[in-house]
C-alpha atoms as a PDB file:
ATOM      1  CA  UNK A   1      -0.001  -0.006   0.025  1.00  0.00           C
ATOM      2  CA  UNK A   2       1.448   3.376  -1.049  1.00  0.00           C
ATOM      3  CA  UNK A   3       2.008   6.191   1.536  1.00  0.00           C
ATOM      4  CA  UNK A   4      -0.879   8.306  -0.125  1.00  0.00           C
ATOM      5  CA  UNK A   5      -3.422   5.392   0.108  1.00  0.00           C
ATOM      6  CA  UNK A   6      -2.315   4.678   3.706  1.00  0.00           C
ATOM      7  CA  UNK A   7      -2.641   8.366   4.660  1.00  0.00           C
ATOM      8  CA  UNK A   8      -6.144   8.521   3.158  1.00  0.00           C
ATOM      9  CA  UNK A   9      -7.031   5.161   4.905  1.00  0.00           C
ATOM     10  CA  UNK A  10      -6.043   6.751   8.328  1.00  0.00           C
ATOM     11  CA  UNK A  11      -7.987   9.880   7.694  1.00  0.00           C
ATOM     12  CA  UNK A  12      -4.953  12.020   7.001  1.00  0.00           C
ATOM     13  CA  UNK A  13      -3.562  13.882   3.977  1.00  0.00           C
ATOM     14  CA  UNK A  14      -0.242  12.943   2.375  1.00  0.00           C
ATOM     15  CA  UNK A  15       2.081  15.645   2.026  1.00  0.00           C
ATOM     16  CA  UNK A  16       5.387  15.053   0.059  1.00  0.00           C
ATOM     17  CA  UNK A  17       7.036  18.088   1.853  1.00  0.00           C
ATOM     18  CA  UNK A  18       6.995  15.859   5.077  1.00  0.00           C
ATOM     19  CA  UNK A  19       8.976  13.103   3.377  1.00  0.00           C
ATOM     20  CA  UNK A  20      12.085  12.978   1.179  1.00  0.00           C
ATOM     21  CA  UNK A  21      10.318  11.247  -1.744  1.00  0.00           C
ATOM     22  CA  UNK A  22      11.354  14.435  -3.856  1.00  0.00           C
ATOM     23  CA  UNK A  23      15.048  14.280  -3.258  1.00  0.00           C
ATOM     24  CA  UNK A  24      16.639  12.377  -5.804  1.00  0.00           C
ATOM     25  CA  UNK A  25      20.318  12.698  -4.937  1.00  0.00           C
ATOM     26  CA  UNK A  26      21.191   9.427  -3.255  1.00  0.00           C
ATOM     27  CA  UNK A  27      24.178  11.091  -1.569  1.00  0.00           C
ATOM     28  CA  UNK A  28      21.869  13.672   0.080  1.00  0.00           C
ATOM     29  CA  UNK A  29      19.538  10.750   1.231  1.00  0.00           C
ATOM     30  CA  UNK A  30      22.487   8.908   2.643  1.00  0.00           C
ATOM     31  CA  UNK A  31      23.330  12.031   4.797  1.00  0.00           C
ATOM     32  CA  UNK A  32      19.496  12.157   5.844  1.00  0.00           C
ATOM     33  CA  UNK A  33      19.785   8.357   6.943  1.00  0.00           C
ATOM     34  CA  UNK A  34      23.001   9.182   9.095  1.00  0.00           C
ATOM     35  CA  UNK A  35      21.260  12.094  10.615  1.00  0.00           C
ATOM     36  CA  UNK A  36      18.228   9.798  11.603  1.00  0.00           C
ATOM     37  CA  UNK A  37      20.559   7.240  13.056  1.00  0.00           C
ATOM     38  CA  UNK A  38      22.473   9.780  15.055  1.00  0.00           C
ATOM     39  CA  UNK A  39      19.387  11.520  16.528  1.00  0.00           C
ATOM     40  CA  UNK A  40      17.529   8.392  17.108  1.00  0.00           C
ATOM     41  CA  UNK A  41      20.303   6.832  18.966  1.00  0.00           C
ATOM     42  CA  UNK A  42      20.746   9.950  21.320  1.00  0.00           C
ATOM     43  CA  UNK A  43      17.066  10.402  21.914  1.00  0.00           C
ATOM     44  CA  UNK A  44      15.858   6.676  21.905  1.00  0.00           C
ATOM     45  CA  UNK A  45      13.550   7.284  18.965  1.00  0.00           C
ATOM     46  CA  UNK A  46      13.125   5.458  15.769  1.00  0.00           C
ATOM     47  CA  UNK A  47      13.638   8.087  13.092  1.00  0.00           C
ATOM     48  CA  UNK A  48      13.821   7.616   9.358  1.00  0.00           C
ATOM     49  CA  UNK A  49      13.120   9.619   6.006  1.00  0.00           C
ATOM     50  CA  UNK A  50       9.358   9.033   6.507  1.00  0.00           C
ATOM     51  CA  UNK A  51       8.872  10.370   9.921  1.00  0.00           C
ATOM     52  CA  UNK A  52      11.987  12.737  10.598  1.00  0.00           C
ATOM     53  CA  UNK A  53      10.193  15.974   9.591  1.00  0.00           C
ATOM     54  CA  UNK A  54       6.771  15.062  11.302  1.00  0.00           C
ATOM     55  CA  UNK A  55       8.624  14.226  14.441  1.00  0.00           C
ATOM     56  CA  UNK A  56      10.620  17.377  14.842  1.00  0.00           C
ATOM     57  CA  UNK A  57       8.183  19.879  13.153  1.00  0.00           C
ATOM     58  CA  UNK A  58       6.960  21.378  16.505  1.00  0.00           C
ATOM     59  CA  UNK A  59      10.641  21.873  17.615  1.00  0.00           C
ATOM     60  CA  UNK A  60      10.248  19.864  20.855  1.00  0.00           C
ATOM     61  CA  UNK A  61      12.485  16.978  19.800  1.00  0.00           C
ATOM     62  CA  UNK A  62      15.313  19.250  18.558  1.00  0.00           C
ATOM     63  CA  UNK A  63      15.291  20.845  21.969  1.00  0.00           C
ATOM     64  CA  UNK A  64      15.554  17.439  23.654  1.00  0.00           C
ATOM     65  CA  UNK A  65      18.482  16.898  21.356  1.00  0.00           C
ATOM     66  CA  UNK A  66      20.098  20.210  22.338  1.00  0.00           C
ATOM     67  CA  UNK A  67      19.586  19.073  25.985  1.00  0.00           C
ATOM     68  CA  UNK A  68      21.556  15.893  25.402  1.00  0.00           C
ATOM     69  CA  UNK A  69      24.344  17.606  23.373  1.00  0.00           C
ATOM     70  CA  UNK A  70      24.646  20.206  26.118  1.00  0.00           C
ATOM     71  CA  UNK A  71      25.819  17.530  28.549  1.00  0.00           C
ATOM     72  CA  UNK A  72      28.851  16.928  26.331  1.00  0.00           C
ATOM     73  CA  UNK A  73      29.252  20.733  25.846  1.00  0.00           C
ATOM     74  CA  UNK A  74      29.267  21.183  29.598  1.00  0.00           C
ATOM     75  CA  UNK A  75      32.028  18.420  29.994  1.00  0.00           C
ATOM     76  CA  UNK A  76      34.070  19.858  27.253  1.00  0.00           C
ATOM     77  CA  UNK A  77      34.040  23.298  28.817  1.00  0.00           C
ATOM     78  CA  UNK A  78      35.251  21.761  31.984  1.00  0.00           C
ATOM     79  CA  UNK A  79      38.012  19.680  30.666  1.00  0.00           C
ATOM     80  CA  UNK A  80      39.307  22.021  27.828  1.00  0.00           C
ATOM     81  CA  UNK A  81      41.677  24.811  28.622  1.00  0.00           C
ATOM     82  CA  UNK A  82      40.137  27.075  25.819  1.00  0.00           C
ATOM     83  CA  UNK A  83      36.818  25.848  24.760  1.00  0.00           C
ATOM     84  CA  UNK A  84      35.816  29.290  23.352  1.00  0.00           C
ATOM     85  CA  UNK A  85      32.272  30.590  23.491  1.00  0.00           C
ATOM     86  CA  UNK A  86      29.666  27.821  23.947  1.00  0.00           C
ATOM     87  CA  UNK A  87      26.034  27.735  25.209  1.00  0.00           C
ATOM     88  CA  UNK A  88      25.726  27.814  28.987  1.00  0.00           C
ATOM     89  CA  UNK A  89      22.255  25.862  28.986  1.00  0.00           C
ATOM     90  CA  UNK A  90      19.902  24.038  26.661  1.00  0.00           C
ATOM     91  CA  UNK A  91      16.695  25.525  25.655  1.00  0.00           C
ATOM     92  CA  UNK A  92      14.465  26.149  28.619  1.00  0.00           C
ATOM     93  CA  UNK A  93      10.582  25.965  29.204  1.00  0.00           C
ATOM     94  CA  UNK A  94      10.038  23.767  26.007  1.00  0.00           C
ATOM     95  CA  UNK A  95       6.656  22.693  24.993  1.00  0.00           C
ATOM     96  CA  UNK A  96       7.080  18.867  23.805  1.00  0.00           C
ATOM     97  CA  UNK A  97       3.395  18.136  22.871  1.00  0.00           C
ATOM     98  CA  UNK A  98       2.233  21.302  21.126  1.00  0.00           C
ATOM     99  CA  UNK A  99       0.814  21.469  17.686  1.00  0.00           C
ATOM    100  CA  UNK A 100       3.074  22.106  14.788  1.00  0.00           C
ATOM    101  CA  UNK A 101       1.111  25.218  13.943  1.00  0.00           C
ATOM    102  CA  UNK A 102       0.989  26.767  17.295  1.00  0.00           C
ATOM    103  CA  UNK A 103       2.915  29.561  18.819  1.00  0.00           C
ATOM    104  CA  UNK A 104       4.561  27.303  21.210  1.00  0.00           C
ATOM    105  CA  UNK A 105       6.093  25.303  18.311  1.00  0.00           C
ATOM    106  CA  UNK A 106       7.436  28.616  16.934  1.00  0.00           C
ATOM    107  CA  UNK A 107       8.984  29.426  20.273  1.00  0.00           C
ATOM    108  CA  UNK A 108      10.464  25.874  20.417  1.00  0.00           C
ATOM    109  CA  UNK A 109      12.107  26.246  17.074  1.00  0.00           C
ATOM    110  CA  UNK A 110      13.407  29.791  17.895  1.00  0.00           C
ATOM    111  CA  UNK A 111      14.875  28.634  21.302  1.00  0.00           C
ATOM    112  CA  UNK A 112      16.604  25.812  19.351  1.00  0.00           C
ATOM    113  CA  UNK A 113      18.094  28.103  16.679  1.00  0.00           C
ATOM    114  CA  UNK A 114      19.340  30.483  19.317  1.00  0.00           C
ATOM    115  CA  UNK A 115      21.174  27.634  21.039  1.00  0.00           C
ATOM    116  CA  UNK A 116      22.492  26.381  17.825  1.00  0.00           C
ATOM    117  CA  UNK A 117      23.975  29.789  17.046  1.00  0.00           C
ATOM    118  CA  UNK A 118      25.450  29.794  20.698  1.00  0.00           C
ATOM    119  CA  UNK A 119      26.818  26.329  19.804  1.00  0.00           C
ATOM    120  CA  UNK A 120      28.874  28.188  16.865  1.00  0.00           C
ATOM    121  CA  UNK A 121      26.980  26.597  13.968  1.00  0.00           C
ATOM    122  CA  UNK A 122      27.723  28.923  10.967  1.00  0.00           C
ATOM    123  CA  UNK A 123      24.924  31.428  10.334  1.00  0.00           C
ATOM    124  CA  UNK A 124      24.956  30.182   6.693  1.00  0.00           C
ATOM    125  CA  UNK A 125      23.970  26.623   7.887  1.00  0.00           C
ATOM    126  CA  UNK A 126      20.980  28.039  10.120  1.00  0.00           C
ATOM    127  CA  UNK A 127      17.665  27.346   8.830  1.00  0.00           C
ATOM    128  CA  UNK A 128      14.734  29.597   8.841  1.00  0.00           C
ATOM    129  CA  UNK A 129      11.766  28.964  11.166  1.00  0.00           C
ATOM    130  CA  UNK A 130       9.474  28.794   8.107  1.00  0.00           C
ATOM    131  CA  UNK A 131      11.757  26.030   6.537  1.00  0.00           C
ATOM    132  CA  UNK A 132      10.397  23.690   9.187  1.00  0.00           C
ATOM    133  CA  UNK A 133       7.232  25.137  10.411  1.00  0.00           C
ATOM    134  CA  UNK A 134       5.761  25.936   6.945  1.00  0.00           C
ATOM    135  CA  UNK A 135       7.759  23.146   5.147  1.00  0.00           C
ATOM    136  CA  UNK A 136       9.406  25.530   3.022  1.00  0.00           C
ATOM    137  CA  UNK A 137      12.779  23.972   2.860  1.00  0.00           C
ATOM    138  CA  UNK A 138      13.311  20.532   4.811  1.00  0.00           C
ATOM    139  CA  UNK A 139      16.818  20.159   3.341  1.00  0.00           C
ATOM    140  CA  UNK A 140      17.841  23.421   4.974  1.00  0.00           C
ATOM    141  CA  UNK A 141      16.599  21.854   8.370  1.00  0.00           C
ATOM    142  CA  UNK A 142      18.732  18.701   7.601  1.00  0.00           C
ATOM    143  CA  UNK A 143      21.721  20.835   7.038  1.00  0.00           C
ATOM    144  CA  UNK A 144      21.349  22.662  10.408  1.00  0.00           C
ATOM    145  CA  UNK A 145      21.071  19.499  12.234  1.00  0.00           C
ATOM    146  CA  UNK A 146      24.216  17.950  10.492  1.00  0.00           C
ATOM    147  CA  UNK A 147      26.025  21.079  11.308  1.00  0.00           C
ATOM    148  CA  UNK A 148      24.950  20.531  14.951  1.00  0.00           C
ATOM    149  CA  UNK A 149      26.056  17.058  14.837  1.00  0.00           C
ATOM    150  CA  UNK A 150      29.591  18.186  13.571  1.00  0.00           C
ATOM    151  CA  UNK A 151      29.734  20.689  16.455  1.00  0.00           C
ATOM    152  CA  UNK A 152      28.788  18.180  18.953  1.00  0.00           C
ATOM    153  CA  UNK A 153      31.524  15.832  17.580  1.00  0.00           C
ATOM    154  CA  UNK A 154      33.949  18.758  18.006  1.00  0.00           C
ATOM    155  CA  UNK A 155      32.978  18.753  21.740  1.00  0.00           C
ATOM    156  CA  UNK A 156      33.577  15.045  22.142  1.00  0.00           C
ATOM    157  CA  UNK A 157      30.209  13.432  21.342  1.00  0.00           C
ATOM    158  CA  UNK A 158      30.178  10.357  19.016  1.00  0.00           C
ATOM    159  CA  UNK A 159      28.804  11.393  15.741  1.00  0.00           C
ATOM    160  CA  UNK A 160      29.008   9.387  12.502  1.00  0.00           C
ATOM    161  CA  UNK A 161      27.888  12.078  10.215  1.00  0.00           C
ATOM    162  CA  UNK A 162      30.753  12.410   7.660  1.00  0.00           C
ATOM    163  CA  UNK A 163      29.884  12.903   3.973  1.00  0.00           C
ATOM    164  CA  UNK A 164      30.162   9.949   1.580  1.00  0.00           C
ATOM    165  CA  UNK A 165      33.749   9.642   0.250  1.00  0.00           C
ATOM    166  CA  UNK A 166      32.955  11.020  -3.247  1.00  0.00           C
ATOM    167  CA  UNK A 167      31.440  14.240  -1.676  1.00  0.00           C
ATOM    168  CA  UNK A 168      34.454  14.642   0.669  1.00  0.00           C
ATOM    169  CA  UNK A 169      37.090  13.976  -1.719  1.00  0.00           C
ATOM    170  CA  UNK A 170      35.436  16.348  -4.322  1.00  0.00           C
ATOM    171  CA  UNK A 171      35.687  19.207  -1.752  1.00  0.00           C
ATOM    172  CA  UNK A 172      39.215  18.412  -0.720  1.00  0.00           C
ATOM    173  CA  UNK A 173      40.132  18.370  -4.386  1.00  0.00           C
ATOM    174  CA  UNK A 174      38.736  21.906  -4.766  1.00  0.00           C
ATOM    175  CA  UNK A 175      40.714  22.972  -1.644  1.00  0.00           C
ATOM    176  CA  UNK A 176      43.914  21.643  -3.033  1.00  0.00           C
ATOM    177  CA  UNK A 177      43.297  23.281  -6.510  1.00  0.00           C
ATOM    178  CA  UNK A 178      42.018  26.745  -5.468  1.00  0.00           C
ATOM    179  CA  UNK A 179      43.440  27.025  -2.123  1.00  0.00           C
ATOM    180  CA  UNK A 180      41.649  28.348   1.102  1.00  0.00           C
ATOM    181  CA  UNK A 181      38.493  29.431  -0.774  1.00  0.00           C
ATOM    182  CA  UNK A 182      37.120  25.842  -0.014  1.00  0.00           C
ATOM    183  CA  UNK A 183      38.928  25.323   3.498  1.00  0.00           C
ATOM    184  CA  UNK A 184      35.870  25.644   5.579  1.00  0.00           C
ATOM    185  CA  UNK A 185      33.724  23.384   3.282  1.00  0.00           C
ATOM    186  CA  UNK A 186      36.396  20.748   3.119  1.00  0.00           C
ATOM    187  CA  UNK A 187      37.156  20.773   6.724  1.00  0.00           C
ATOM    188  CA  UNK A 188      33.645  20.220   7.591  1.00  0.00           C
ATOM    189  CA  UNK A 189      33.325  16.811   6.296  1.00  0.00           C
ATOM    190  CA  UNK A 190      36.557  15.392   7.864  1.00  0.00           C
ATOM    191  CA  UNK A 191      38.747  12.539   6.642  1.00  0.00           C
ATOM    192  CA  UNK A 192      42.264  12.313   5.527  1.00  0.00           C
ATOM    193  CA  UNK A 193      43.237  14.811   2.888  1.00  0.00           C
ATOM    194  CA  UNK A 194      44.433  13.221  -0.476  1.00  0.00           C
ATOM    195  CA  UNK A 195      46.512  15.068  -2.992  1.00  0.00           C
ATOM    196  CA  UNK A 196      45.461  15.474  -6.477  1.00  0.00           C
ATOM    197  CA  UNK A 197      47.192  13.210  -8.851  1.00  0.00           C
ATOM    198  CA  UNK A 198      49.858  14.978 -10.760  1.00  0.00           C
ATOM    199  CA  UNK A 199      50.638  14.046 -14.619  1.00  0.00           C
ATOM    200  CA  UNK A 200      53.986  14.306 -15.950  1.00  0.00           C
ATOM    201  CA  UNK A 201      53.758  15.641 -19.370  1.00  0.00           C
ATOM    202  CA  UNK A 202      57.456  15.166 -20.349  1.00  0.00           C
ATOM    203  CA  UNK A 203      58.181  12.373 -22.936  1.00  0.00           C
ATOM    204  CA  UNK A 204      60.265   9.373 -21.826  1.00  0.00           C
ATOM    205  CA  UNK A 205      63.790   9.516 -23.049  1.00  0.00           C
ATOM    206  CA  UNK A 206      63.558   6.267 -25.060  1.00  0.00           C
ATOM    207  CA  UNK A 207      60.026   6.824 -26.717  1.00  0.00           C
ATOM    208  CA  UNK A 208      59.579   7.101 -30.266  1.00  0.00           C
ATOM    209  CA  UNK A 209      58.155  10.507 -29.925  1.00  0.00           C
ATOM    210  CA  UNK A 210      61.203  11.679 -27.923  1.00  0.00           C
ATOM    211  CA  UNK A 211      63.462  10.693 -30.965  1.00  0.00           C
ATOM    212  CA  UNK A 212      61.305  12.548 -33.352  1.00  0.00           C
ATOM    213  CA  UNK A 213      61.373  15.603 -31.172  1.00  0.00           C
ATOM    214  CA  UNK A 214      65.250  15.463 -31.030  1.00  0.00           C
ATOM    215  CA  UNK A 215      65.379  15.202 -34.789  1.00  0.00           C
ATOM    216  CA  UNK A 216      63.116  18.395 -35.099  1.00  0.00           C
ATOM    217  CA  UNK A 217      65.403  20.100 -32.661  1.00  0.00           C
ATOM    218  CA  UNK A 218      68.372  19.235 -34.896  1.00  0.00           C
ATOM    219  CA  UNK A 219      66.552  20.701 -37.936  1.00  0.00           C
ATOM    220  CA  UNK A 220      65.952  23.930 -36.031  1.00  0.00           C
ATOM    221  CA  UNK A 221      69.501  24.075 -35.063  1.00  0.00           C
ATOM    222  CA  UNK A 222      70.944  23.275 -38.404  1.00  0.00           C
ATOM    223  CA  UNK A 223      68.939  25.111 -41.014  1.00  0.00           C
ATOM    224  CA  UNK A 224      71.456  24.523 -43.786  1.00  0.00           C
ATOM    225  CA  UNK A 225      71.409  20.811 -43.652  1.00  0.00           C
ATOM    226  CA  UNK A 226      68.704  18.739 -45.515  1.00  0.00           C
ATOM    227  CA  UNK A 227      66.182  17.253 -43.298  1.00  0.00           C
ATOM    228  CA  UNK A 228      66.295  13.732 -44.956  1.00  0.00           C
ATOM    229  CA  UNK A 229      70.097  13.550 -43.817  1.00  0.00           C
ATOM    230  CA  UNK A 230      69.068  14.356 -40.295  1.00  0.00           C
ATOM    231  CA  UNK A 231      66.452  11.586 -40.059  1.00  0.00           C
ATOM    232  CA  UNK A 232      68.819   9.153 -41.787  1.00  0.00           C
ATOM    233  CA  UNK A 233      71.329   9.566 -39.114  1.00  0.00           C
END
């Protein structure tokens, strides 16, 4: 039974914006899967592509995630000599069971985003509240949560959220080729940096083309000597 039919049978309305059916890039879907496994393991929830957005839409589950990450942040601050600026506490006075369209849901989301900024998630990775509340950009939401996972990993929390090798190596190649322009993007994916393969364009000394090249060099150096005598040598 398709999800559309199942939703109608249960009295609901199927909304593709709540799932990832419209995402065709398998690499992006792999990152969604990794995010679901990471969040689900921390929160004790079964999360997947079908229920992730539904589960986090009112912001309550994300605030619960922030509370668990905050434990690692507090431990990191206590043991690191220079932890830098980090949140002092997780979102407070959260409404866990509110409707996704309520003011409480918007307040939950705003509290989570404020905490994420204090965690030093880059502003470019922060989603807009309406990306989640009005389903305008679910992949922006995923991007923010992956950035939170990376920052949590920096603070000592286990998080298997590295990009697939093809994506990571692509960014590292750009970093090698163009310099610091891609430093931040490449560093975000972790992994060992690999040098771009260098191709030697010089001809081997014993190759046929090398011999021809040498003959033409002689022609250029001895303009008065017939070419056939040079190649006969």
